[in-house]
């Protein structure tokens, strides 16, 4: 079963996964754009824990996973460059434990997520600005004399065809704009969570 959910607060996301396990659905994989894949399991309490880490070296990533496994945590989903790392307790002892030693280290994952979100937002805005000049010329597509030389159904067909090519032209730009907005919102919300957990 697949579900799409958007979380910025990782603690709320952990609670969501816990409730799913209690309903008999265990997390198998988390992929980009907030898609969760679950499999049917015997209903039970699973206190999932989520970290946010990106690794440049594979050796560092393997050492990271080994450290968690030695501490009683099973890695459920995540890759060296995915950022989000999902863990489930390997034993009952870890059910009530956190993967972080204190509130400060727990809050560091939000800071890493914030930095990543702002970086991606800036990149998407840059790409959008690069593509923007082509957007300004779109209106001229409908002003070409060759289109208006047609009448009736032929004119309608030409407009439909030009609109089709117009959509193809602007799709990359709209994608970059959407992603920029997505990561900007994520960055803003993450910043608020950083302040919340620092003071709370």
Protein backbone atom coordinates (compact mmCIF):
# COMPACT_ATOMS: atom_id res chain seq x y z
CA UNK A 1 0.00 0.00 0.00
CA UNK A 2 1.22 3.48 -0.86
CA UNK A 3 0.27 6.71 0.86
CA UNK A 4 1.24 10.30 0.18
CA UNK A 5 1.74 12.55 3.19
CA UNK A 6 3.75 15.72 3.77
CA UNK A 7 5.50 16.23 7.09
CA UNK A 8 8.03 18.83 8.14
CA UNK A 9 7.87 18.03 11.85
CA UNK A 10 9.73 14.71 12.05
CA UNK A 11 8.25 13.97 15.47
CA UNK A 12 4.72 14.08 14.03
CA UNK A 13 5.91 11.89 11.17
CA UNK A 14 7.21 9.34 13.68
CA UNK A 15 3.80 9.34 15.40
CA UNK A 16 2.08 8.79 12.06
CA UNK A 17 4.25 5.77 11.29
CA UNK A 18 3.63 4.41 14.78
CA UNK A 19 -0.14 4.61 14.26
CA UNK A 20 0.16 2.88 10.90
CA UNK A 21 2.07 0.00 12.54
CA UNK A 22 -0.60 -0.26 15.24
CA UNK A 23 -3.15 -0.58 12.42
CA UNK A 24 -1.12 -3.37 10.84
CA UNK A 25 0.92 -1.47 8.27
CA UNK A 26 4.73 -1.45 8.52
CA UNK A 27 6.87 1.00 6.63
CA UNK A 28 8.90 -0.58 3.82
CA UNK A 29 10.14 2.41 1.89
CA UNK A 30 9.98 6.18 1.75
CA UNK A 31 10.63 7.84 -1.59
CA UNK A 32 10.84 11.38 -2.91
CA UNK A 33 7.73 13.57 -2.93
CA UNK A 34 6.48 12.09 0.33
CA UNK A 35 5.41 8.66 -0.91
CA UNK A 36 5.29 5.99 1.81
CA UNK A 37 5.15 2.29 0.93
CA UNK A 38 3.67 0.00 3.59
CA UNK A 39 3.28 -3.76 3.89
CA UNK A 40 0.73 -5.70 5.89
CA UNK A 41 2.09 -6.79 9.29
CA UNK A 42 0.74 -8.05 12.58
CA UNK A 43 -0.50 -4.91 14.40
CA UNK A 44 2.11 -3.86 16.93
CA UNK A 45 3.76 -0.84 18.50
CA UNK A 46 6.78 0.35 16.54
CA UNK A 47 8.37 3.60 17.63
CA UNK A 48 10.02 4.65 14.39
CA UNK A 49 12.78 7.22 14.53
CA UNK A 50 13.80 9.56 11.70
CA UNK A 51 17.10 11.30 11.12
CA UNK A 52 18.16 13.65 8.34
CA UNK A 53 21.67 13.02 7.06
CA UNK A 54 23.36 13.28 3.66
CA UNK A 55 26.72 11.61 3.15
CA UNK A 56 29.41 12.36 0.59
CA UNK A 57 31.29 9.12 1.14
CA UNK A 58 29.79 5.64 1.05
CA UNK A 59 32.14 4.53 3.83
CA UNK A 60 30.75 7.21 6.15
CA UNK A 61 27.21 6.09 5.35
CA UNK A 62 28.00 2.45 6.08
CA UNK A 63 29.65 3.42 9.36
CA UNK A 64 26.55 5.48 10.24
CA UNK A 65 24.22 2.52 9.60
CA UNK A 66 26.52 0.14 11.48
CA UNK A 67 26.48 2.43 14.51
CA UNK A 68 22.69 2.39 14.58
CA UNK A 69 22.48 -1.37 14.09
CA UNK A 70 24.94 -1.94 16.93
CA UNK A 71 22.72 0.29 19.08
CA UNK A 72 19.62 -1.80 18.35
CA UNK A 73 18.08 0.05 15.40
CA UNK A 74 17.11 -1.43 12.05
CA UNK A 75 17.48 0.82 9.01
CA UNK A 76 14.17 0.73 7.15
CA UNK A 77 14.57 3.27 4.37
CA UNK A 78 17.02 5.86 3.10
CA UNK A 79 20.12 6.14 0.93
CA UNK A 80 23.46 7.87 1.11
CA UNK A 81 22.06 10.98 -0.58
CA UNK A 82 18.34 10.82 0.22
CA UNK A 83 18.59 12.78 3.46
CA UNK A 84 15.75 11.11 5.35
CA UNK A 85 16.80 7.98 7.23
CA UNK A 86 14.13 5.79 8.84
CA UNK A 87 14.83 3.41 11.71
CA UNK A 88 12.78 0.93 13.72
CA UNK A 89 13.76 -0.65 17.06
CA UNK A 90 15.26 -4.13 16.86
CA UNK A 91 14.23 -4.96 20.42
CA UNK A 92 11.69 -3.97 23.07
CA UNK A 93 14.38 -2.09 25.00
CA UNK A 94 14.59 0.55 22.26
CA UNK A 95 10.83 1.08 21.97
CA UNK A 96 10.85 4.00 24.39
CA UNK A 97 14.29 5.30 23.47
CA UNK A 98 15.28 8.05 21.06
CA UNK A 99 18.15 7.87 18.59
CA UNK A 100 19.45 11.18 19.93
CA UNK A 101 21.20 11.63 23.24
CA UNK A 102 19.73 15.07 23.96
CA UNK A 103 17.38 17.77 22.63
CA UNK A 104 20.24 19.69 21.03
CA UNK A 105 21.39 16.80 18.84
CA UNK A 106 17.76 16.06 17.96
CA UNK A 107 17.32 19.64 16.83
CA UNK A 108 20.39 19.41 14.61
CA UNK A 109 18.45 17.27 12.10
CA UNK A 110 16.02 20.17 11.60
CA UNK A 111 18.93 22.50 10.97
CA UNK A 112 20.32 20.11 8.34
CA UNK A 113 16.88 19.86 6.75
CA UNK A 114 16.54 23.66 6.77
CA UNK A 115 19.91 24.17 5.08
CA UNK A 116 19.03 21.63 2.40
CA UNK A 117 15.58 23.12 1.77
CA UNK A 118 16.94 26.66 1.38
CA UNK A 119 19.67 25.45 -0.96
CA UNK A 120 17.17 23.68 -3.22
CA UNK A 121 14.77 26.64 -3.14
CA UNK A 122 17.57 28.97 -4.25
CA UNK A 123 18.61 26.61 -7.05
CA UNK A 124 15.04 26.26 -8.33
CA UNK A 125 14.53 30.04 -8.29
CA UNK A 126 17.77 30.44 -10.24
CA UNK A 127 16.64 27.89 -12.86
CA UNK A 128 13.27 29.64 -13.08
CA UNK A 129 14.94 33.00 -13.72
CA UNK A 130 17.11 31.43 -16.43
CA UNK A 131 14.04 30.01 -18.17
CA UNK A 132 11.88 33.13 -17.69
CA UNK A 133 12.92 34.95 -20.90
CA UNK A 134 11.38 32.17 -23.00
CA UNK A 135 8.12 32.70 -21.07
CA UNK A 136 7.94 36.34 -22.20
CA UNK A 137 7.89 35.25 -25.85
CA UNK A 138 4.99 32.85 -25.42
CA UNK A 139 2.29 35.45 -26.18
CA UNK A 140 3.82 36.03 -29.61
CA UNK A 141 3.03 32.43 -30.53
CA UNK A 142 -0.65 33.35 -30.92
CA UNK A 143 0.10 36.56 -32.84
CA UNK A 144 1.75 34.96 -35.86
CA UNK A 145 -0.13 35.81 -39.07
CA UNK A 146 0.04 32.18 -40.24
CA UNK A 147 -2.41 31.11 -37.52
CA UNK A 148 -5.05 33.72 -38.28
CA UNK A 149 -4.93 32.92 -41.99
CA UNK A 150 -7.07 29.91 -41.12
CA UNK A 151 -10.78 30.00 -40.36
CA UNK A 152 -13.36 27.76 -38.75
CA UNK A 153 -12.28 24.27 -37.64
CA UNK A 154 -8.78 24.76 -39.08
CA UNK A 155 -8.23 27.87 -36.91
CA UNK A 156 -9.48 25.95 -33.88
CA UNK A 157 -7.10 23.09 -34.68
CA UNK A 158 -4.13 25.45 -35.06
CA UNK A 159 -4.89 27.10 -31.69
CA UNK A 160 -5.12 23.67 -30.03
CA UNK A 161 -1.82 22.62 -31.60
CA UNK A 162 -0.07 25.85 -30.53
CA UNK A 163 -1.46 25.45 -27.00
CA UNK A 164 -0.09 21.89 -26.87
CA UNK A 165 3.39 23.09 -27.82
CA UNK A 166 3.00 25.99 -25.38
CA UNK A 167 2.34 23.57 -22.50
CA UNK A 168 5.42 21.54 -23.44
CA UNK A 169 7.43 24.78 -23.50
CA UNK A 170 6.39 25.99 -20.05
CA UNK A 171 6.30 22.63 -18.22
CA UNK A 172 9.99 22.71 -17.17
CA UNK A 173 9.60 26.27 -15.93
CA UNK A 174 6.41 25.46 -14.00
CA UNK A 175 8.16 22.45 -12.46
CA UNK A 176 11.06 24.58 -11.22
CA UNK A 177 8.62 27.14 -9.86
CA UNK A 178 6.61 24.45 -8.04
CA UNK A 179 9.74 22.89 -6.52
CA UNK A 180 11.01 26.34 -5.47
CA UNK A 181 7.74 27.06 -3.66
CA UNK A 182 7.75 23.57 -2.10
CA UNK A 183 11.24 23.92 -0.64
CA UNK A 184 10.64 27.53 0.43
CA UNK A 185 7.60 26.46 2.45
CA UNK A 186 9.58 23.56 3.90
CA UNK A 187 12.41 25.91 4.86
CA UNK A 188 10.05 28.37 6.57
CA UNK A 189 8.29 25.63 8.53
CA UNK A 190 11.57 23.98 9.49
CA UNK A 191 12.90 27.31 10.77
CA UNK A 192 9.87 27.62 13.02
CA UNK A 193 10.41 24.10 14.34
CA UNK A 194 14.05 24.88 15.12
CA UNK A 195 12.96 27.85 17.27
CA UNK A 196 10.15 25.81 18.83
CA UNK A 197 12.37 22.93 19.95
CA UNK A 198 15.22 25.23 21.01
CA UNK A 199 12.94 27.12 23.38
CA UNK A 200 10.71 24.20 24.29
